Amino acid sequence: MITGERHLRLVVGEYAQHYNRHRPHRSLGQRVPNRLSEPEPLTATDNTRLRRRDRLGGLIHEYTQVA
């Protein structure tokens, strides 16, 4: 629930950052808009270890590969 204009700006800013810097886009070869010059990411296997980062109180989850 959005509690005011300040909170709305925070939520929209956080979502926009997630959308443009982390969320993979199928039409961009699973890359994010801010990293189009990078090669396509590798596909995860059953042995791949992942780290999850919750954003917006757990409404959005970001996953990164752990070495």
PDB file of N, CA and C in Angstrom:
ATOM      1  N   MET A   1       0.840  -1.161   0.000  1.00  0.00           N
ATOM      2  CA  MET A   1       0.000   0.000   0.000  1.00  0.00           C
ATOM      3  C   MET A   1       0.903   1.248   0.000  1.00  0.00           C
ATOM      4  N   ILE A   2       0.624   2.145  -0.886  1.00  0.00           N
ATOM      5  CA  ILE A   2       1.370   3.401  -0.996  1.00  0.00           C
ATOM      6  C   ILE A   2       0.779   4.387   0.014  1.00  0.00           C
ATOM      7  N   THR A   3       1.640   5.008   0.830  1.00  0.00           N
ATOM      8  CA  THR A   3       1.146   5.854   1.912  1.00  0.00           C
ATOM      9  C   THR A   3       1.235   7.352   1.634  1.00  0.00           C
ATOM     10  N   GLY A   4       1.804   7.735   0.515  1.00  0.00           N
ATOM     11  CA  GLY A   4       1.903   9.160   0.201  1.00  0.00           C
ATOM     12  C   GLY A   4       2.788   9.375  -1.009  1.00  0.00           C
ATOM     13  N   GLU A   5       2.932  10.630  -1.401  1.00  0.00           N
ATOM     14  CA  GLU A   5       3.707  10.956  -2.594  1.00  0.00           C
ATOM     15  C   GLU A   5       5.174  10.568  -2.441  1.00  0.00           C
ATOM     16  N   ARG A   6       5.757  10.827  -1.283  1.00  0.00           N
ATOM     17  CA  ARG A   6       7.162  10.470  -1.064  1.00  0.00           C
ATOM     18  C   ARG A   6       7.369   8.956  -1.188  1.00  0.00           C
ATOM     19  N   HIS A   7       6.476   8.202  -0.602  1.00  0.00           N
ATOM     20  CA  HIS A   7       6.560   6.748  -0.679  1.00  0.00           C
ATOM     21  C   HIS A   7       6.361   6.267  -2.123  1.00  0.00           C
ATOM     22  N   LEU A   8       5.439   6.870  -2.841  1.00  0.00           N
ATOM     23  CA  LEU A   8       5.203   6.523  -4.242  1.00  0.00           C
ATOM     24  C   LEU A   8       6.458   6.763  -5.079  1.00  0.00           C
ATOM     25  N   ARG A   9       7.109   7.902  -4.880  1.00  0.00           N
ATOM     26  CA  ARG A   9       8.345   8.189  -5.617  1.00  0.00           C
ATOM     27  C   ARG A   9       9.433   7.161  -5.298  1.00  0.00           C
ATOM     28  N   LEU A  10       9.534   6.751  -4.060  1.00  0.00           N
ATOM     29  CA  LEU A  10      10.500   5.739  -3.650  1.00  0.00           C
ATOM     30  C   LEU A  10      10.215   4.404  -4.350  1.00  0.00           C
ATOM     31  N   VAL A  11       8.969   3.987  -4.345  1.00  0.00           N
ATOM     32  CA  VAL A  11       8.582   2.711  -4.950  1.00  0.00           C
ATOM     33  C   VAL A  11       8.798   2.736  -6.458  1.00  0.00           C
ATOM     34  N   VAL A  12       8.376   3.788  -7.125  1.00  0.00           N
ATOM     35  CA  VAL A  12       8.546   3.884  -8.573  1.00  0.00           C
ATOM     36  C   VAL A  12      10.029   3.944  -8.931  1.00  0.00           C
ATOM     37  N   GLY A  13      10.820   4.672  -8.180  1.00  0.00           N
ATOM     38  CA  GLY A  13      12.258   4.739  -8.430  1.00  0.00           C
ATOM     39  C   GLY A  13      12.935   3.392  -8.255  1.00  0.00           C
ATOM     40  N   GLU A  14      12.563   2.671  -7.211  1.00  0.00           N
ATOM     41  CA  GLU A  14      13.131   1.344  -6.953  1.00  0.00           C
ATOM     42  C   GLU A  14      12.755   0.375  -8.071  1.00  0.00           C
ATOM     43  N   TYR A  15      11.490   0.412  -8.511  1.00  0.00           N
ATOM     44  CA  TYR A  15      11.061  -0.476  -9.589  1.00  0.00           C
ATOM     45  C   TYR A  15      11.765  -0.123 -10.905  1.00  0.00           C
ATOM     46  N   ALA A  16      11.892   1.153 -11.212  1.00  0.00           N
ATOM     47  CA  ALA A  16      12.566   1.563 -12.448  1.00  0.00           C
ATOM     48  C   ALA A  16      14.028   1.127 -12.439  1.00  0.00           C
ATOM     49  N   GLN A  17      14.675   1.241 -11.294  1.00  0.00           N
ATOM     50  CA  GLN A  17      16.062   0.791 -11.178  1.00  0.00           C
ATOM     51  C   GLN A  17      16.150  -0.722 -11.404  1.00  0.00           C
ATOM     52  N   HIS A  18      15.256  -1.477 -10.816  1.00  0.00           N
ATOM     53  CA  HIS A  18      15.222  -2.929 -11.011  1.00  0.00           C
ATOM     54  C   HIS A  18      14.967  -3.269 -12.481  1.00  0.00           C
ATOM     55  N   TYR A  19      14.009  -2.603 -13.093  1.00  0.00           N
ATOM     56  CA  TYR A  19      13.619  -2.888 -14.474  1.00  0.00           C
ATOM     57  C   TYR A  19      14.758  -2.605 -15.452  1.00  0.00           C
ATOM     58  N   ASN A  20      15.496  -1.517 -15.241  1.00  0.00           N
ATOM     59  CA  ASN A  20      16.534  -1.114 -16.189  1.00  0.00           C
ATOM     60  C   ASN A  20      17.925  -1.655 -15.879  1.00  0.00           C
ATOM     61  N   ARG A  21      18.173  -2.074 -14.634  1.00  0.00           N
ATOM     62  CA  ARG A  21      19.524  -2.507 -14.257  1.00  0.00           C
ATOM     63  C   ARG A  21      19.639  -3.980 -13.907  1.00  0.00           C
ATOM     64  N   HIS A  22      18.518  -4.653 -13.679  1.00  0.00           N
ATOM     65  CA  HIS A  22      18.642  -6.045 -13.257  1.00  0.00           C
ATOM     66  C   HIS A  22      17.723  -7.012 -14.014  1.00  0.00           C
ATOM     67  N   ARG A  23      16.480  -6.656 -14.205  1.00  0.00           N
ATOM     68  CA  ARG A  23      15.499  -7.570 -14.779  1.00  0.00           C
ATOM     69  C   ARG A  23      15.879  -7.965 -16.207  1.00  0.00           C
ATOM     70  N   PRO A  24      16.051  -9.280 -16.477  1.00  0.00           N
ATOM     71  CA  PRO A  24      16.384  -9.698 -17.838  1.00  0.00           C
ATOM     72  C   PRO A  24      15.173  -9.541 -18.769  1.00  0.00           C
ATOM     73  N   HIS A  25      15.454  -9.141 -19.995  1.00  0.00           N
ATOM     74  CA  HIS A  25      14.406  -8.950 -20.992  1.00  0.00           C
ATOM     75  C   HIS A  25      14.598  -9.989 -22.093  1.00  0.00           C
ATOM     76  N   ARG A  26      13.588 -10.777 -22.345  1.00  0.00           N
ATOM     77  CA  ARG A  26      13.670 -11.843 -23.345  1.00  0.00           C
ATOM     78  C   ARG A  26      14.031 -11.295 -24.726  1.00  0.00           C
ATOM     79  N   SER A  27      13.458 -10.162 -25.096  1.00  0.00           N
ATOM     80  CA  SER A  27      13.714  -9.600 -26.427  1.00  0.00           C
ATOM     81  C   SER A  27      15.140  -9.052 -26.561  1.00  0.00           C
ATOM     82  N   LEU A  28      15.841  -8.893 -25.445  1.00  0.00           N
ATOM     83  CA  LEU A  28      17.220  -8.386 -25.470  1.00  0.00           C
ATOM     84  C   LEU A  28      18.225  -9.505 -25.191  1.00  0.00           C
ATOM     85  N   GLY A  29      17.818 -10.753 -25.381  1.00  0.00           N
ATOM     86  CA  GLY A  29      18.710 -11.880 -25.159  1.00  0.00           C
ATOM     87  C   GLY A  29      19.032 -12.081 -23.693  1.00  0.00           C
ATOM     88  N   GLN A  30      18.054 -11.886 -22.828  1.00  0.00           N
ATOM     89  CA  GLN A  30      18.178 -12.018 -21.369  1.00  0.00           C
ATOM     90  C   GLN A  30      19.159 -11.009 -20.769  1.00  0.00           C
ATOM     91  N   ARG A  31      19.414  -9.925 -21.487  1.00  0.00           N
ATOM     92  CA  ARG A  31      20.236  -8.840 -20.950  1.00  0.00           C
ATOM     93  C   ARG A  31      19.324  -7.746 -20.421  1.00  0.00           C
ATOM     94  N   VAL A  32      19.904  -6.833 -19.680  1.00  0.00           N
ATOM     95  CA  VAL A  32      19.132  -5.698 -19.164  1.00  0.00           C
ATOM     96  C   VAL A  32      19.407  -4.475 -20.041  1.00  0.00           C
ATOM     97  N   PRO A  33      18.489  -3.518 -20.120  1.00  0.00           N
ATOM     98  CA  PRO A  33      18.677  -2.363 -21.000  1.00  0.00           C
ATOM     99  C   PRO A  33      19.976  -1.597 -20.745  1.00  0.00           C
ATOM    100  N   ASN A  34      20.434  -1.513 -19.503  1.00  0.00           N
ATOM    101  CA  ASN A  34      21.650  -0.755 -19.202  1.00  0.00           C
ATOM    102  C   ASN A  34      22.924  -1.507 -19.569  1.00  0.00           C
ATOM    103  N   ARG A  35      22.839  -2.775 -19.982  1.00  0.00           N
ATOM    104  CA  ARG A  35      24.030  -3.574 -20.279  1.00  0.00           C
ATOM    105  C   ARG A  35      23.929  -4.269 -21.634  1.00  0.00           C
ATOM    106  N   LEU A  36      23.459  -3.570 -22.642  1.00  0.00           N
ATOM    107  CA  LEU A  36      23.272  -4.185 -23.955  1.00  0.00           C
ATOM    108  C   LEU A  36      24.578  -4.550 -24.639  1.00  0.00           C
ATOM    109  N   SER A  37      25.675  -3.903 -24.267  1.00  0.00           N
ATOM    110  CA  SER A  37      26.953  -4.191 -24.919  1.00  0.00           C
ATOM    111  C   SER A  37      27.613  -5.455 -24.352  1.00  0.00           C
ATOM    112  N   GLU A  38      27.113  -5.973 -23.236  1.00  0.00           N
ATOM    113  CA  GLU A  38      27.672  -7.191 -22.646  1.00  0.00           C
ATOM    114  C   GLU A  38      27.137  -8.424 -23.377  1.00  0.00           C
ATOM    115  N   PRO A  39      27.887  -9.541 -23.378  1.00  0.00           N
ATOM    116  CA  PRO A  39      27.389 -10.767 -24.018  1.00  0.00           C
ATOM    117  C   PRO A  39      26.205 -11.338 -23.250  1.00  0.00           C
ATOM    118  N   GLU A  40      25.460 -12.213 -23.912  1.00  0.00           N
ATOM    119  CA  GLU A  40      24.318 -12.843 -23.257  1.00  0.00           C
ATOM    120  C   GLU A  40      24.796 -13.643 -22.055  1.00  0.00           C
ATOM    121  N   PRO A  41      24.020 -13.637 -20.964  1.00  0.00           N
ATOM    122  CA  PRO A  41      24.440 -14.373 -19.771  1.00  0.00           C
ATOM    123  C   PRO A  41      24.392 -15.884 -19.992  1.00  0.00           C
ATOM    124  N   LEU A  42      25.193 -16.595 -19.212  1.00  0.00           N
ATOM    125  CA  LEU A  42      25.195 -18.048 -19.279  1.00  0.00           C
ATOM    126  C   LEU A  42      23.912 -18.607 -18.690  1.00  0.00           C
ATOM    127  N   THR A  43      23.532 -19.783 -19.144  1.00  0.00           N
ATOM    128  CA  THR A  43      22.343 -20.441 -18.621  1.00  0.00           C
ATOM    129  C   THR A  43      22.700 -21.176 -17.340  1.00  0.00           C
ATOM    130  N   ALA A  44      21.874 -21.047 -16.338  1.00  0.00           N
ATOM    131  CA  ALA A  44      22.114 -21.720 -15.068  1.00  0.00           C
ATOM    132  C   ALA A  44      21.871 -23.218 -15.212  1.00  0.00           C
ATOM    133  N   THR A  45      22.635 -24.013 -14.468  1.00  0.00           N
ATOM    134  CA  THR A  45      22.460 -25.462 -14.438  1.00  0.00           C
ATOM    135  C   THR A  45      21.899 -25.857 -13.078  1.00  0.00           C
ATOM    136  N   ASP A  46      21.684 -27.149 -12.878  1.00  0.00           N
ATOM    137  CA  ASP A  46      21.174 -27.630 -11.596  1.00  0.00           C
ATOM    138  C   ASP A  46      22.166 -27.378 -10.462  1.00  0.00           C
ATOM    139  N   ASN A  47      23.462 -27.280 -10.776  1.00  0.00           N
ATOM    140  CA  ASN A  47      24.493 -27.093  -9.755  1.00  0.00           C
ATOM    141  C   ASN A  47      24.765 -25.621  -9.471  1.00  0.00           C
ATOM    142  N   THR A  48      24.174 -24.719 -10.210  1.00  0.00           N
ATOM    143  CA  THR A  48      24.446 -23.296 -10.063  1.00  0.00           C
ATOM    144  C   THR A  48      23.925 -22.791  -8.721  1.00  0.00           C
ATOM    145  N   ARG A  49      24.794 -22.093  -8.003  1.00  0.00           N
ATOM    146  CA  ARG A  49      24.391 -21.492  -6.736  1.00  0.00           C
ATOM    147  C   ARG A  49      23.943 -20.060  -7.003  1.00  0.00           C
ATOM    148  N   LEU A  50      22.803 -19.704  -6.437  1.00  0.00           N
ATOM    149  CA  LEU A  50      22.236 -18.379  -6.644  1.00  0.00           C
ATOM    150  C   LEU A  50      22.087 -17.657  -5.314  1.00  0.00           C
ATOM    151  N   ARG A  51      22.176 -16.348  -5.396  1.00  0.00           N
ATOM    152  CA  ARG A  51      21.921 -15.499  -4.239  1.00  0.00           C
ATOM    153  C   ARG A  51      20.701 -14.647  -4.562  1.00  0.00           C
ATOM    154  N   ARG A  52      19.763 -14.572  -3.616  1.00  0.00           N
ATOM    155  CA  ARG A  52      18.551 -13.790  -3.834  1.00  0.00           C
ATOM    156  C   ARG A  52      18.623 -12.508  -3.015  1.00  0.00           C
ATOM    157  N   ARG A  53      18.243 -11.411  -3.659  1.00  0.00           N
ATOM    158  CA  ARG A  53      18.167 -10.112  -2.991  1.00  0.00           C
ATOM    159  C   ARG A  53      16.735  -9.620  -3.099  1.00  0.00           C
ATOM    160  N   ASP A  54      16.120  -9.373  -1.972  1.00  0.00           N
ATOM    161  CA  ASP A  54      14.750  -8.869  -1.961  1.00  0.00           C
ATOM    162  C   ASP A  54      14.757  -7.355  -2.063  1.00  0.00           C
ATOM    163  N   ARG A  55      13.845  -6.842  -2.869  1.00  0.00           N
ATOM    164  CA  ARG A  55      13.669  -5.398  -3.008  1.00  0.00           C
ATOM    165  C   ARG A  55      12.205  -5.079  -2.768  1.00  0.00           C
ATOM    166  N   LEU A  56      11.948  -3.870  -2.364  1.00  0.00           N
ATOM    167  CA  LEU A  56      10.587  -3.406  -2.050  1.00  0.00           C
ATOM    168  C   LEU A  56       9.905  -4.334  -1.049  1.00  0.00           C
ATOM    169  N   GLY A  57      10.639  -4.664  -0.003  1.00  0.00           N
ATOM    170  CA  GLY A  57      10.066  -5.486   1.058  1.00  0.00           C
ATOM    171  C   GLY A  57       9.725  -6.901   0.628  1.00  0.00           C
ATOM    172  N   GLY A  58      10.408  -7.417  -0.380  1.00  0.00           N
ATOM    173  CA  GLY A  58      10.170  -8.781  -0.844  1.00  0.00           C
ATOM    174  C   GLY A  58       9.199  -8.896  -2.004  1.00  0.00           C
ATOM    175  N   LEU A  59       8.692  -7.773  -2.506  1.00  0.00           N
ATOM    176  CA  LEU A  59       7.792  -7.836  -3.666  1.00  0.00           C
ATOM    177  C   LEU A  59       8.542  -8.169  -4.943  1.00  0.00           C
ATOM    178  N   ILE A  60       9.813  -7.785  -5.003  1.00  0.00           N
ATOM    179  CA  ILE A  60      10.667  -8.059  -6.157  1.00  0.00           C
ATOM    180  C   ILE A  60      11.867  -8.849  -5.655  1.00  0.00           C
ATOM    181  N   HIS A  61      12.261  -9.874  -6.394  1.00  0.00           N
ATOM    182  CA  HIS A  61      13.432 -10.665  -6.049  1.00  0.00           C
ATOM    183  C   HIS A  61      14.446 -10.556  -7.197  1.00  0.00           C
ATOM    184  N   GLU A  62      15.704 -10.314  -6.841  1.00  0.00           N
ATOM    185  CA  GLU A  62      16.775 -10.284  -7.825  1.00  0.00           C
ATOM    186  C   GLU A  62      17.726 -11.438  -7.513  1.00  0.00           C
ATOM    187  N   TYR A  63      18.130 -12.164  -8.536  1.00  0.00           N
ATOM    188  CA  TYR A  63      18.995 -13.314  -8.360  1.00  0.00           C
ATOM    189  C   TYR A  63      20.316 -13.076  -9.079  1.00  0.00           C
ATOM    190  N   THR A  64      21.419 -13.441  -8.421  1.00  0.00           N
ATOM    191  CA  THR A  64      22.729 -13.379  -9.033  1.00  0.00           C
ATOM    192  C   THR A  64      23.438 -14.694  -8.789  1.00  0.00           C
ATOM    193  N   GLN A  65      24.312 -15.035  -9.708  1.00  0.00           N
ATOM    194  CA  GLN A  65      25.070 -16.273  -9.619  1.00  0.00           C
ATOM    195  C   GLN A  65      26.210 -16.097  -8.624  1.00  0.00           C
ATOM    196  N   VAL A  66      26.427 -17.097  -7.782  1.00  0.00           N
ATOM    197  CA  VAL A  66      27.512 -17.094  -6.806  1.00  0.00           C
ATOM    198  C   VAL A  66      28.640 -17.949  -7.349  1.00  0.00           C
ATOM    199  N   ALA A  67      29.871 -17.433  -7.286  1.00  0.00           N
ATOM    200  CA  ALA A  67      31.016 -18.185  -7.806  1.00  0.00           C
ATOM    201  C   ALA A  67      31.338 -19.374  -6.947  1.00  0.00           C
TER     202      ALA A  67
END
